[in-house]
Each structure stands twice: as structure tokens, then as C-alpha cells.
PDB file of N, CA and C in Angstrom:
ATOM      1  N   MET A   1       2.049   5.891  15.788  1.00  0.00           N
ATOM      2  CA  MET A   1       1.030   5.294  15.171  1.00  0.00           C
ATOM      3  C   MET A   1       0.959   3.786  15.791  1.00  0.00           C
ATOM      4  N   ASN A   2      -0.180   3.419  15.989  1.00  0.00           N
ATOM      5  CA  ASN A   2      -0.322   1.979  16.576  1.00  0.00           C
ATOM      6  C   ASN A   2      -0.084   0.926  15.470  1.00  0.00           C
ATOM      7  N   THR A   3       0.823   0.042  15.867  1.00  0.00           N
ATOM      8  CA  THR A   3       1.216  -1.010  14.836  1.00  0.00           C
ATOM      9  C   THR A   3       0.030  -1.894  14.583  1.00  0.00           C
ATOM     10  N   ALA A   4      -0.906  -2.065  15.502  1.00  0.00           N
ATOM     11  CA  ALA A   4      -2.039  -2.974  15.225  1.00  0.00           C
ATOM     12  C   ALA A   4      -2.808  -2.379  14.045  1.00  0.00           C
ATOM     13  N   ARG A   5      -2.982  -1.043  13.976  1.00  0.00           N
ATOM     14  CA  ARG A   5      -3.792  -0.477  12.877  1.00  0.00           C
ATOM     15  C   ARG A   5      -2.927  -0.657  11.544  1.00  0.00           C
ATOM     16  N   LEU A   6      -1.621  -0.674  11.625  1.00  0.00           N
ATOM     17  CA  LEU A   6      -0.835  -0.835  10.469  1.00  0.00           C
ATOM     18  C   LEU A   6      -0.874  -2.232   9.887  1.00  0.00           C
ATOM     19  N   PHE A   7      -0.778  -3.227  10.753  1.00  0.00           N
ATOM     20  CA  PHE A   7      -0.646  -4.621  10.265  1.00  0.00           C
ATOM     21  C   PHE A   7      -1.927  -5.370  10.205  1.00  0.00           C
ATOM     22  N   ARG A   8      -3.070  -4.781  10.683  1.00  0.00           N
ATOM     23  CA  ARG A   8      -4.355  -5.551  10.689  1.00  0.00           C
ATOM     24  C   ARG A   8      -4.846  -5.786   9.319  1.00  0.00           C
ATOM     25  N   PRO A   9      -4.771  -4.860   8.360  1.00  0.00           N
ATOM     26  CA  PRO A   9      -5.238  -5.197   6.966  1.00  0.00           C
ATOM     27  C   PRO A   9      -4.411  -6.287   6.394  1.00  0.00           C
ATOM     28  N   LEU A  10      -3.080  -6.374   6.590  1.00  0.00           N
ATOM     29  CA  LEU A  10      -2.292  -7.371   6.097  1.00  0.00           C
ATOM     30  C   LEU A  10      -2.659  -8.723   6.677  1.00  0.00           C
ATOM     31  N   ALA A  11      -2.942  -8.740   7.942  1.00  0.00           N
ATOM     32  CA  ALA A  11      -3.408 -10.026   8.624  1.00  0.00           C
ATOM     33  C   ALA A  11      -4.732 -10.485   8.008  1.00  0.00           C
ATOM     34  N   ARG A  12      -5.593  -9.529   7.855  1.00  0.00           N
ATOM     35  CA  ARG A  12      -6.968  -9.877   7.292  1.00  0.00           C
ATOM     36  C   ARG A  12      -6.837 -10.497   5.875  1.00  0.00           C
ATOM     37  N   SER A  13      -5.970  -9.821   5.053  1.00  0.00           N
ATOM     38  CA  SER A  13      -5.810 -10.421   3.630  1.00  0.00           C
ATOM     39  C   SER A  13      -5.182 -11.817   3.651  1.00  0.00           C
ATOM     40  N   ALA A  14      -4.270 -12.036   4.570  1.00  0.00           N
ATOM     41  CA  ALA A  14      -3.617 -13.362   4.616  1.00  0.00           C
ATOM     42  C   ALA A  14      -4.610 -14.374   5.178  1.00  0.00           C
ATOM     43  N   ALA A  15      -5.389 -13.952   6.047  1.00  0.00           N
ATOM     44  CA  ALA A  15      -6.331 -14.931   6.644  1.00  0.00           C
ATOM     45  C   ALA A  15      -7.431 -15.313   5.647  1.00  0.00           C
ATOM     46  N   THR A  16      -7.778 -14.457   4.768  1.00  0.00           N
ATOM     47  CA  THR A  16      -8.818 -14.835   3.736  1.00  0.00           C
ATOM     48  C   THR A  16      -8.206 -15.848   2.794  1.00  0.00           C
ATOM     49  N   PHE A  17      -6.936 -15.875   2.529  1.00  0.00           N
ATOM     50  CA  PHE A  17      -6.358 -16.949   1.678  1.00  0.00           C
ATOM     51  C   PHE A  17      -6.227 -18.203   2.393  1.00  0.00           C
ATOM     52  N   ARG A  18      -6.148 -18.261   3.712  1.00  0.00           N
ATOM     53  CA  ARG A  18      -5.991 -19.474   4.456  1.00  0.00           C
ATOM     54  C   ARG A  18      -7.280 -20.114   4.865  1.00  0.00           C
ATOM     55  N   GLN A  19      -8.435 -19.535   4.536  1.00  0.00           N
ATOM     56  CA  GLN A  19      -9.630 -20.131   5.032  1.00  0.00           C
ATOM     57  C   GLN A  19      -9.924 -21.431   4.219  1.00  0.00           C
ATOM     58  N   PRO A  20     -10.323 -22.464   4.929  1.00  0.00           N
ATOM     59  CA  PRO A  20     -10.658 -23.720   4.238  1.00  0.00           C
ATOM     60  C   PRO A  20     -11.917 -23.627   3.327  1.00  0.00           C
ATOM     61  N   LEU A  21     -11.973 -24.553   2.388  1.00  0.00           N
ATOM     62  CA  LEU A  21     -13.055 -24.471   1.421  1.00  0.00           C
ATOM     63  C   LEU A  21     -14.318 -24.889   2.142  1.00  0.00           C
ATOM     64  N   THR A  22     -15.388 -24.172   1.902  1.00  0.00           N
ATOM     65  CA  THR A  22     -16.662 -24.530   2.616  1.00  0.00           C
ATOM     66  C   THR A  22     -17.774 -24.717   1.574  1.00  0.00           C
ATOM     67  N   ARG A  23     -17.416 -25.220   0.441  1.00  0.00           N
ATOM     68  CA  ARG A  23     -18.525 -25.547  -0.546  1.00  0.00           C
ATOM     69  C   ARG A  23     -19.247 -26.725  -0.066  1.00  0.00           C
ATOM     70  N   PRO A  24     -20.576 -26.895  -0.337  1.00  0.00           N
ATOM     71  CA  PRO A  24     -21.291 -28.072   0.092  1.00  0.00           C
ATOM     72  C   PRO A  24     -20.680 -29.300  -0.453  1.00  0.00           C
ATOM     73  N   SER A  25     -20.310 -29.326  -1.671  1.00  0.00           N
ATOM     74  CA  SER A  25     -19.685 -30.587  -2.270  1.00  0.00           C
ATOM     75  C   SER A  25     -18.390 -31.068  -1.499  1.00  0.00           C
ATOM     76  N   VAL A  26     -17.652 -30.106  -0.979  1.00  0.00           N
ATOM     77  CA  VAL A  26     -16.494 -30.432  -0.208  1.00  0.00           C
ATOM     78  C   VAL A  26     -16.885 -30.940   1.147  1.00  0.00           C
ATOM     79  N   LEU A  27     -17.879 -30.305   1.748  1.00  0.00           N
ATOM     80  CA  LEU A  27     -18.366 -30.771   3.094  1.00  0.00           C
ATOM     81  C   LEU A  27     -18.963 -32.146   3.014  1.00  0.00           C
ATOM     82  N   ALA A  28     -19.644 -32.515   1.882  1.00  0.00           N
ATOM     83  CA  ALA A  28     -20.225 -33.789   1.758  1.00  0.00           C
ATOM     84  C   ALA A  28     -19.171 -34.908   1.588  1.00  0.00           C
ATOM     85  N   ARG A  29     -17.979 -34.618   1.147  1.00  0.00           N
ATOM     86  CA  ARG A  29     -16.953 -35.629   0.951  1.00  0.00           C
ATOM     87  C   ARG A  29     -15.722 -35.238   1.827  1.00  0.00           C
ATOM     88  N   PRO A  30     -15.649 -35.594   3.026  1.00  0.00           N
ATOM     89  CA  PRO A  30     -14.563 -35.124   3.918  1.00  0.00           C
ATOM     90  C   PRO A  30     -13.225 -35.754   3.598  1.00  0.00           C
ATOM     91  N   ALA A  31     -13.208 -36.958   2.948  1.00  0.00           N
ATOM     92  CA  ALA A  31     -11.964 -37.523   2.513  1.00  0.00           C
ATOM     93  C   ALA A  31     -11.340 -36.711   1.407  1.00  0.00           C
ATOM     94  N   VAL A  32     -12.155 -36.308   0.477  1.00  0.00           N
ATOM     95  CA  VAL A  32     -11.602 -35.525  -0.608  1.00  0.00           C
ATOM     96  C   VAL A  32     -11.160 -34.078  -0.125  1.00  0.00           C
ATOM     97  N   ALA A  33     -11.906 -33.533   0.811  1.00  0.00           N
ATOM     98  CA  ALA A  33     -11.518 -32.307   1.400  1.00  0.00           C
ATOM     99  C   ALA A  33     -10.180 -32.432   2.132  1.00  0.00           C
ATOM    100  N   ALA A  34      -9.966 -33.538   2.862  1.00  0.00           N
ATOM    101  CA  ALA A  34      -8.669 -33.634   3.608  1.00  0.00           C
ATOM    102  C   ALA A  34      -7.553 -33.817   2.547  1.00  0.00           C
ATOM    103  N   ALA A  35      -7.807 -34.535   1.443  1.00  0.00           N
ATOM    104  CA  ALA A  35      -6.777 -34.650   0.465  1.00  0.00           C
ATOM    105  C   ALA A  35      -6.417 -33.307  -0.135  1.00  0.00           C
ATOM    106  N   GLN A  36      -7.437 -32.470  -0.478  1.00  0.00           N
ATOM    107  CA  GLN A  36      -7.166 -31.204  -0.953  1.00  0.00           C
ATOM    108  C   GLN A  36      -6.424 -30.308  -0.015  1.00  0.00           C
ATOM    109  N   MET A  37      -6.726 -30.461   1.259  1.00  0.00           N
ATOM    110  CA  MET A  37      -5.995 -29.576   2.186  1.00  0.00           C
ATOM    111  C   MET A  37      -4.540 -30.061   2.369  1.00  0.00           C
ATOM    112  N   GLU A  38      -4.214 -31.318   2.202  1.00  0.00           N
ATOM    113  CA  GLU A  38      -2.837 -31.779   2.160  1.00  0.00           C
ATOM    114  C   GLU A  38      -2.104 -31.210   0.912  1.00  0.00           C
ATOM    115  N   VAL A  39      -2.748 -31.231  -0.192  1.00  0.00           N
ATOM    116  CA  VAL A  39      -2.118 -30.668  -1.397  1.00  0.00           C
ATOM    117  C   VAL A  39      -1.910 -29.179  -1.230  1.00  0.00           C
ATOM    118  N   GLN A  40      -2.873 -28.501  -0.710  1.00  0.00           N
ATOM    119  CA  GLN A  40      -2.714 -27.048  -0.395  1.00  0.00           C
ATOM    120  C   GLN A  40      -1.555 -26.719   0.526  1.00  0.00           C
ATOM    121  N   LYS A  41      -1.309 -27.606   1.581  1.00  0.00           N
ATOM    122  CA  LYS A  41      -0.284 -27.377   2.436  1.00  0.00           C
ATOM    123  C   LYS A  41       1.067 -27.585   1.856  1.00  0.00           C
ATOM    124  N   LYS A  42       1.117 -28.540   0.949  1.00  0.00           N
ATOM    125  CA  LYS A  42       2.426 -28.810   0.284  1.00  0.00           C
ATOM    126  C   LYS A  42       2.715 -27.612  -0.708  1.00  0.00           C
ATOM    127  N   GLN A  43       1.724 -27.165  -1.410  1.00  0.00           N
ATOM    128  CA  GLN A  43       1.959 -26.073  -2.345  1.00  0.00           C
ATOM    129  C   GLN A  43       1.716 -24.701  -1.615  1.00  0.00           C
ATOM    130  N   SER A  44       2.775 -24.056  -1.315  1.00  0.00           N
ATOM    131  CA  SER A  44       2.691 -22.766  -0.511  1.00  0.00           C
ATOM    132  C   SER A  44       2.470 -21.569  -1.545  1.00  0.00           C
ATOM    133  N   PRO A  45       1.308 -21.050  -1.703  1.00  0.00           N
ATOM    134  CA  PRO A  45       1.086 -19.923  -2.609  1.00  0.00           C
ATOM    135  C   PRO A  45       1.680 -18.577  -1.983  1.00  0.00           C
ATOM    136  N   PHE A  46       2.055 -18.635  -0.731  1.00  0.00           N
ATOM    137  CA  PHE A  46       2.568 -17.430  -0.107  1.00  0.00           C
ATOM    138  C   PHE A  46       4.021 -17.232  -0.159  1.00  0.00           C
ATOM    139  N   SER A  47       4.704 -18.073  -0.895  1.00  0.00           N
ATOM    140  CA  SER A  47       6.149 -17.940  -1.015  1.00  0.00           C
ATOM    141  C   SER A  47       6.634 -16.741  -1.773  1.00  0.00           C
ATOM    142  N   MET A  48       5.785 -16.166  -2.665  1.00  0.00           N
ATOM    143  CA  MET A  48       6.175 -15.085  -3.493  1.00  0.00           C
ATOM    144  C   MET A  48       5.032 -14.024  -3.482  1.00  0.00           C
ATOM    145  N   PRO A  49       5.383 -12.704  -3.267  1.00  0.00           N
ATOM    146  CA  PRO A  49       4.278 -11.719  -3.298  1.00  0.00           C
ATOM    147  C   PRO A  49       3.447 -11.794  -4.523  1.00  0.00           C
ATOM    148  N   VAL A  50       2.217 -11.273  -4.436  1.00  0.00           N
ATOM    149  CA  VAL A  50       1.361 -11.343  -5.551  1.00  0.00           C
ATOM    150  C   VAL A  50       1.866 -10.611  -6.673  1.00  0.00           C
ATOM    151  N   LEU A  51       2.444  -9.457  -6.520  1.00  0.00           N
ATOM    152  CA  LEU A  51       2.922  -8.673  -7.689  1.00  0.00           C
ATOM    153  C   LEU A  51       3.967  -9.379  -8.411  1.00  0.00           C
ATOM    154  N   ARG A  52       4.906 -10.070  -7.789  1.00  0.00           N
ATOM    155  CA  ARG A  52       6.017 -10.777  -8.540  1.00  0.00           C
ATOM    156  C   ARG A  52       5.526 -12.139  -9.050  1.00  0.00           C
ATOM    157  N   SER A  53       4.532 -12.740  -8.377  1.00  0.00           N
ATOM    158  CA  SER A  53       4.091 -14.007  -8.919  1.00  0.00           C
ATOM    159  C   SER A  53       3.217 -13.840 -10.164  1.00  0.00           C
ATOM    160  N   ALA A  54       2.587 -12.672 -10.319  1.00  0.00           N
ATOM    161  CA  ALA A  54       1.803 -12.516 -11.504  1.00  0.00           C
ATOM    162  C   ALA A  54       2.602 -12.219 -12.731  1.00  0.00           C
ATOM    163  N   MET A  55       3.414 -11.107 -12.589  1.00  0.00           N
ATOM    164  CA  MET A  55       4.216 -10.651 -13.842  1.00  0.00           C
ATOM    165  C   MET A  55       5.540 -10.117 -13.282  1.00  0.00           C
ATOM    166  N   PRO A  56       6.526 -10.946 -13.011  1.00  0.00           N
ATOM    167  CA  PRO A  56       7.702 -10.411 -12.439  1.00  0.00           C
ATOM    168  C   PRO A  56       8.537  -9.492 -13.205  1.00  0.00           C
ATOM    169  N   GLN A  57       8.303  -9.463 -14.557  1.00  0.00           N
ATOM    170  CA  GLN A  57       9.114  -8.611 -15.514  1.00  0.00           C
ATOM    171  C   GLN A  57       8.666  -7.166 -15.407  1.00  0.00           C
ATOM    172  N   LEU A  58       7.504  -6.841 -14.698  1.00  0.00           N
ATOM    173  CA  LEU A  58       7.029  -5.545 -14.511  1.00  0.00           C
ATOM    174  C   LEU A  58       7.514  -4.846 -13.311  1.00  0.00           C
ATOM    175  N   VAL A  59       8.219  -5.557 -12.391  1.00  0.00           N
ATOM    176  CA  VAL A  59       8.578  -4.933 -11.092  1.00  0.00           C
ATOM    177  C   VAL A  59       9.584  -3.833 -11.282  1.00  0.00           C
ATOM    178  N   PRO A  60      10.587  -3.892 -12.134  1.00  0.00           N
ATOM    179  CA  PRO A  60      11.473  -2.721 -12.314  1.00  0.00           C
ATOM    180  C   PRO A  60      10.708  -1.442 -12.818  1.00  0.00           C
ATOM    181  N   PHE A  61       9.714  -1.721 -13.642  1.00  0.00           N
ATOM    182  CA  PHE A  61       9.006  -0.509 -14.216  1.00  0.00           C
ATOM    183  C   PHE A  61       8.248   0.189 -13.133  1.00  0.00           C
ATOM    184  N   PHE A  62       7.717  -0.514 -12.132  1.00  0.00           N
ATOM    185  CA  PHE A  62       7.050   0.166 -11.053  1.00  0.00           C
ATOM    186  C   PHE A  62       8.053   1.060 -10.265  1.00  0.00           C
ATOM    187  N   MET A  63       9.236   0.636 -10.065  1.00  0.00           N
ATOM    188  CA  MET A  63      10.239   1.459  -9.420  1.00  0.00           C
ATOM    189  C   MET A  63      10.590   2.695 -10.324  1.00  0.00           C
ATOM    190  N   VAL A  64      10.751   2.492 -11.550  1.00  0.00           N
ATOM    191  CA  VAL A  64      11.070   3.552 -12.470  1.00  0.00           C
ATOM    192  C   VAL A  64       9.983   4.589 -12.497  1.00  0.00           C
ATOM    193  N   ASN A  65       8.692   4.093 -12.486  1.00  0.00           N
ATOM    194  CA  ASN A  65       7.619   4.992 -12.439  1.00  0.00           C
ATOM    195  C   ASN A  65       7.588   5.819 -11.213  1.00  0.00           C
ATOM    196  N   GLU A  66       7.835   5.249 -10.056  1.00  0.00           N
ATOM    197  CA  GLU A  66       7.776   5.955  -8.835  1.00  0.00           C
ATOM    198  C   GLU A  66       8.926   6.982  -8.781  1.00  0.00           C
ATOM    199  N   THR A  67      10.204   6.637  -9.209  1.00  0.00           N
ATOM    200  CA  THR A  67      11.243   7.538  -9.125  1.00  0.00           C
ATOM    201  C   THR A  67      10.999   8.671 -10.073  1.00  0.00           C
ATOM    202  N   THR A  68      10.522   8.423 -11.343  1.00  0.00           N
ATOM    203  CA  THR A  68      10.254   9.475 -12.277  1.00  0.00           C
ATOM    204  C   THR A  68       9.193  10.428 -11.713  1.00  0.00           C
ATOM    205  N   PHE A  69       8.161   9.920 -11.099  1.00  0.00           N
ATOM    206  CA  PHE A  69       7.145  10.775 -10.546  1.00  0.00           C
ATOM    207  C   PHE A  69       7.687  11.616  -9.381  1.00  0.00           C
ATOM    208  N   ALA A  70       8.588  11.065  -8.589  1.00  0.00           N
ATOM    209  CA  ALA A  70       9.164  11.828  -7.478  1.00  0.00           C
ATOM    210  C   ALA A  70      10.082  12.888  -8.040  1.00  0.00           C
ATOM    211  N   PHE A  71      10.924  12.626  -9.132  1.00  0.00           N
ATOM    212  CA  PHE A  71      11.770  13.668  -9.633  1.00  0.00           C
ATOM    213  C   PHE A  71      10.956  14.757 -10.368  1.00  0.00           C
ATOM    214  N   ILE A  72       9.831  14.494 -10.737  1.00  0.00           N
ATOM    215  CA  ILE A  72       8.940  15.496 -11.401  1.00  0.00           C
ATOM    216  C   ILE A  72       8.161  16.294 -10.306  1.00  0.00           C
ATOM    217  N   LEU A  73       7.703  15.524  -9.308  1.00  0.00           N
ATOM    218  CA  LEU A  73       6.868  16.153  -8.257  1.00  0.00           C
ATOM    219  C   LEU A  73       7.675  17.083  -7.315  1.00  0.00           C
ATOM    220  N   LEU A  74       8.854  16.646  -6.850  1.00  0.00           N
ATOM    221  CA  LEU A  74       9.597  17.343  -5.924  1.00  0.00           C
ATOM    222  C   LEU A  74      10.000  18.769  -6.418  1.00  0.00           C
ATOM    223  N   PRO A  75      10.648  18.882  -7.633  1.00  0.00           N
ATOM    224  CA  PRO A  75      10.889  20.252  -8.074  1.00  0.00           C
ATOM    225  C   PRO A  75       9.669  21.098  -8.279  1.00  0.00           C
ATOM    226  N   THR A  76       8.591  20.502  -8.745  1.00  0.00           N
ATOM    227  CA  THR A  76       7.413  21.272  -8.950  1.00  0.00           C
ATOM    228  C   THR A  76       6.794  21.720  -7.589  1.00  0.00           C
ATOM    229  N   LEU A  77       6.833  20.940  -6.622  1.00  0.00           N
ATOM    230  CA  LEU A  77       6.330  21.416  -5.268  1.00  0.00           C
ATOM    231  C   LEU A  77       7.297  22.501  -4.704  1.00  0.00           C
ATOM    232  N   ILE A  78       8.542  22.375  -4.930  1.00  0.00           N
ATOM    233  CA  ILE A  78       9.551  23.290  -4.416  1.00  0.00           C
ATOM    234  C   ILE A  78       9.331  24.743  -5.125  1.00  0.00           C
ATOM    235  N   TYR A  79       9.046  24.624  -6.434  1.00  0.00           N
ATOM    236  CA  TYR A  79       8.892  25.860  -7.173  1.00  0.00           C
ATOM    237  C   TYR A  79       7.593  26.489  -6.744  1.00  0.00           C
ATOM    238  N   VAL A  80       6.597  25.780  -6.641  1.00  0.00           N
ATOM    239  CA  VAL A  80       5.245  26.388  -6.355  1.00  0.00           C
ATOM    240  C   VAL A  80       5.237  26.897  -4.888  1.00  0.00           C
ATOM    241  N   LEU A  81       5.816  26.147  -3.968  1.00  0.00           N
ATOM    242  CA  LEU A  81       5.933  26.663  -2.530  1.00  0.00           C
ATOM    243  C   LEU A  81       6.702  27.917  -2.403  1.00  0.00           C
ATOM    244  N   SER A  82       7.859  27.989  -3.161  1.00  0.00           N
ATOM    245  CA  SER A  82       8.812  29.106  -2.953  1.00  0.00           C
ATOM    246  C   SER A  82       8.260  30.381  -3.767  1.00  0.00           C
ATOM    247  N   LYS A  83       7.542  30.103  -4.808  1.00  0.00           N
ATOM    248  CA  LYS A  83       7.221  31.223  -5.681  1.00  0.00           C
ATOM    249  C   LYS A  83       5.843  31.868  -5.215  1.00  0.00           C
ATOM    250  N   TYR A  84       4.860  30.980  -4.804  1.00  0.00           N
ATOM    251  CA  TYR A  84       3.516  31.483  -4.524  1.00  0.00           C
ATOM    252  C   TYR A  84       3.138  31.393  -3.117  1.00  0.00           C
ATOM    253  N   ILE A  85       3.248  30.182  -2.600  1.00  0.00           N
ATOM    254  CA  ILE A  85       2.565  29.971  -1.322  1.00  0.00           C
ATOM    255  C   ILE A  85       3.333  30.542  -0.031  1.00  0.00           C
ATOM    256  N   LEU A  86       4.618  30.379   0.009  1.00  0.00           N
ATOM    257  CA  LEU A  86       5.370  30.865   1.148  1.00  0.00           C
ATOM    258  C   LEU A  86       5.504  32.321   1.187  1.00  0.00           C
ATOM    259  N   PRO A  87       5.806  33.028   0.072  1.00  0.00           N
ATOM    260  CA  PRO A  87       5.718  34.527   0.170  1.00  0.00           C
ATOM    261  C   PRO A  87       4.392  35.142   0.578  1.00  0.00           C
ATOM    262  N   GLN A  88       3.368  34.478   0.183  1.00  0.00           N
ATOM    263  CA  GLN A  88       1.997  34.895   0.646  1.00  0.00           C
ATOM    264  C   GLN A  88       1.839  34.772   2.175  1.00  0.00           C
ATOM    265  N   ARG A  89       2.333  33.673   2.639  1.00  0.00           N
ATOM    266  CA  ARG A  89       2.337  33.419   4.046  1.00  0.00           C
ATOM    267  C   ARG A  89       3.167  34.513   4.813  1.00  0.00           C
ATOM    268  N   VAL A  90       4.381  34.811   4.315  1.00  0.00           N
ATOM    269  CA  VAL A  90       5.233  35.735   4.933  1.00  0.00           C
ATOM    270  C   VAL A  90       4.577  37.128   5.000  1.00  0.00           C
ATOM    271  N   ARG A  91       4.029  37.475   3.827  1.00  0.00           N
ATOM    272  CA  ARG A  91       3.329  38.829   3.761  1.00  0.00           C
ATOM    273  C   ARG A  91       2.154  38.888   4.760  1.00  0.00           C
ATOM    274  N   LEU A  92       1.459  37.746   4.899  1.00  0.00           N
ATOM    275  CA  LEU A  92       0.290  37.679   5.872  1.00  0.00           C
ATOM    276  C   LEU A  92       0.822  37.858   7.233  1.00  0.00           C
ATOM    277  N   MET A  93       1.872  37.089   7.635  1.00  0.00           N
ATOM    278  CA  MET A  93       2.417  37.176   9.038  1.00  0.00           C
ATOM    279  C   MET A  93       2.994  38.555   9.313  1.00  0.00           C
ATOM    280  N   ALA A  94       3.567  39.130   8.231  1.00  0.00           N
ATOM    281  CA  ALA A  94       4.173  40.557   8.436  1.00  0.00           C
ATOM    282  C   ALA A  94       3.099  41.569   8.691  1.00  0.00           C
ATOM    283  N   ALA A  95       2.018  41.462   7.886  1.00  0.00           N
ATOM    284  CA  ALA A  95       0.811  42.291   8.065  1.00  0.00           C
ATOM    285  C   ALA A  95       0.202  42.166   9.476  1.00  0.00           C
ATOM    286  N   ARG A  96       0.062  40.949   9.891  1.00  0.00           N
ATOM    287  CA  ARG A  96      -0.510  40.697  11.217  1.00  0.00           C
ATOM    288  C   ARG A  96       0.402  41.390  12.295  1.00  0.00           C
ATOM    289  N   LEU A  97       1.745  41.180  12.069  1.00  0.00           N
ATOM    290  CA  LEU A  97       2.769  41.790  13.073  1.00  0.00           C
ATOM    291  C   LEU A  97       2.593  43.255  13.133  1.00  0.00           C
ATOM    292  N   PHE A  98       2.605  43.925  11.971  1.00  0.00           N
ATOM    293  CA  PHE A  98       2.485  45.329  11.840  1.00  0.00           C
ATOM    294  C   PHE A  98       1.116  45.798  12.503  1.00  0.00           C
ATOM    295  N   ILE A  99       0.069  45.128  12.235  1.00  0.00           N
ATOM    296  CA  ILE A  99      -1.262  45.511  12.742  1.00  0.00           C
ATOM    297  C   ILE A  99      -1.281  45.400  14.231  1.00  0.00           C
ATOM    298  N   SER A 100      -0.703  44.360  14.768  1.00  0.00           N
ATOM    299  CA  SER A 100      -0.687  44.186  16.226  1.00  0.00           C
ATOM    300  C   SER A 100       0.213  45.203  16.961  1.00  0.00           C
ATOM    301  N   LYS A 101       1.235  45.712  16.250  1.00  0.00           N
ATOM    302  CA  LYS A 101       2.214  46.744  16.807  1.00  0.00           C
ATOM    303  C   LYS A 101       1.475  48.152  16.815  1.00  0.00           C
ATOM    304  N   LEU A 102       0.434  48.374  16.093  1.00  0.00           N
ATOM    305  CA  LEU A 102      -0.108  49.617  15.955  1.00  0.00           C
ATOM    306  C   LEU A 102      -0.761  50.052  17.281  1.00  0.00           C
TER     307      LEU A 102
END
């Protein structure tokens, strides 16, 4: 897989946060805009991911949710595949083999 396709959405989302303010009131007062840019440079909002910066107490629950879903999904998939889908495929391949041997 091309890494540019993988990282391009991340670069776009980071670039949208870094765009300077373009409101008409800011453009009319360049001194105020420069002061605001200095304050924004000092305060780095990118030091923490968005998920943790909003509600850090929920981060463990996302992991528990994913592991619970995985432990439910994997046995279910194994059962359905071994009981229904794979035997049907084996019967189909055996029938094709027997028909081609005739």
C-alpha cells in the first residue's frame, strides 16, 4: 500500500488546524492578528491527541470495548465458518472434481 495514501488524510487534518485566521476583522488589524499568532504558537494544541484531550478517563473503556468485541467476534466467525461456510465449499469443490473426472 502506498504510504502517501495512508498519511495524506492525517496531513490534511493537521493542516486545517494550522491555517491562520482569515476573518475580515483580523485582516483589518494586523497587529492584533500578529499577537494572536504569537499566543497560538506558545500554546500548542497538538501536544495531546484529540481523544485524550477531551475526556482522558474514557480511553481505557475504548480498549475494553475493542477487546470485548474481538473476543465475541472471533469465536463467532470461527464457528460460522467451520459449521456452515467451509463444509459447503468443500462439498462444492468435491462435486466439481467428481464431475470433471467423469
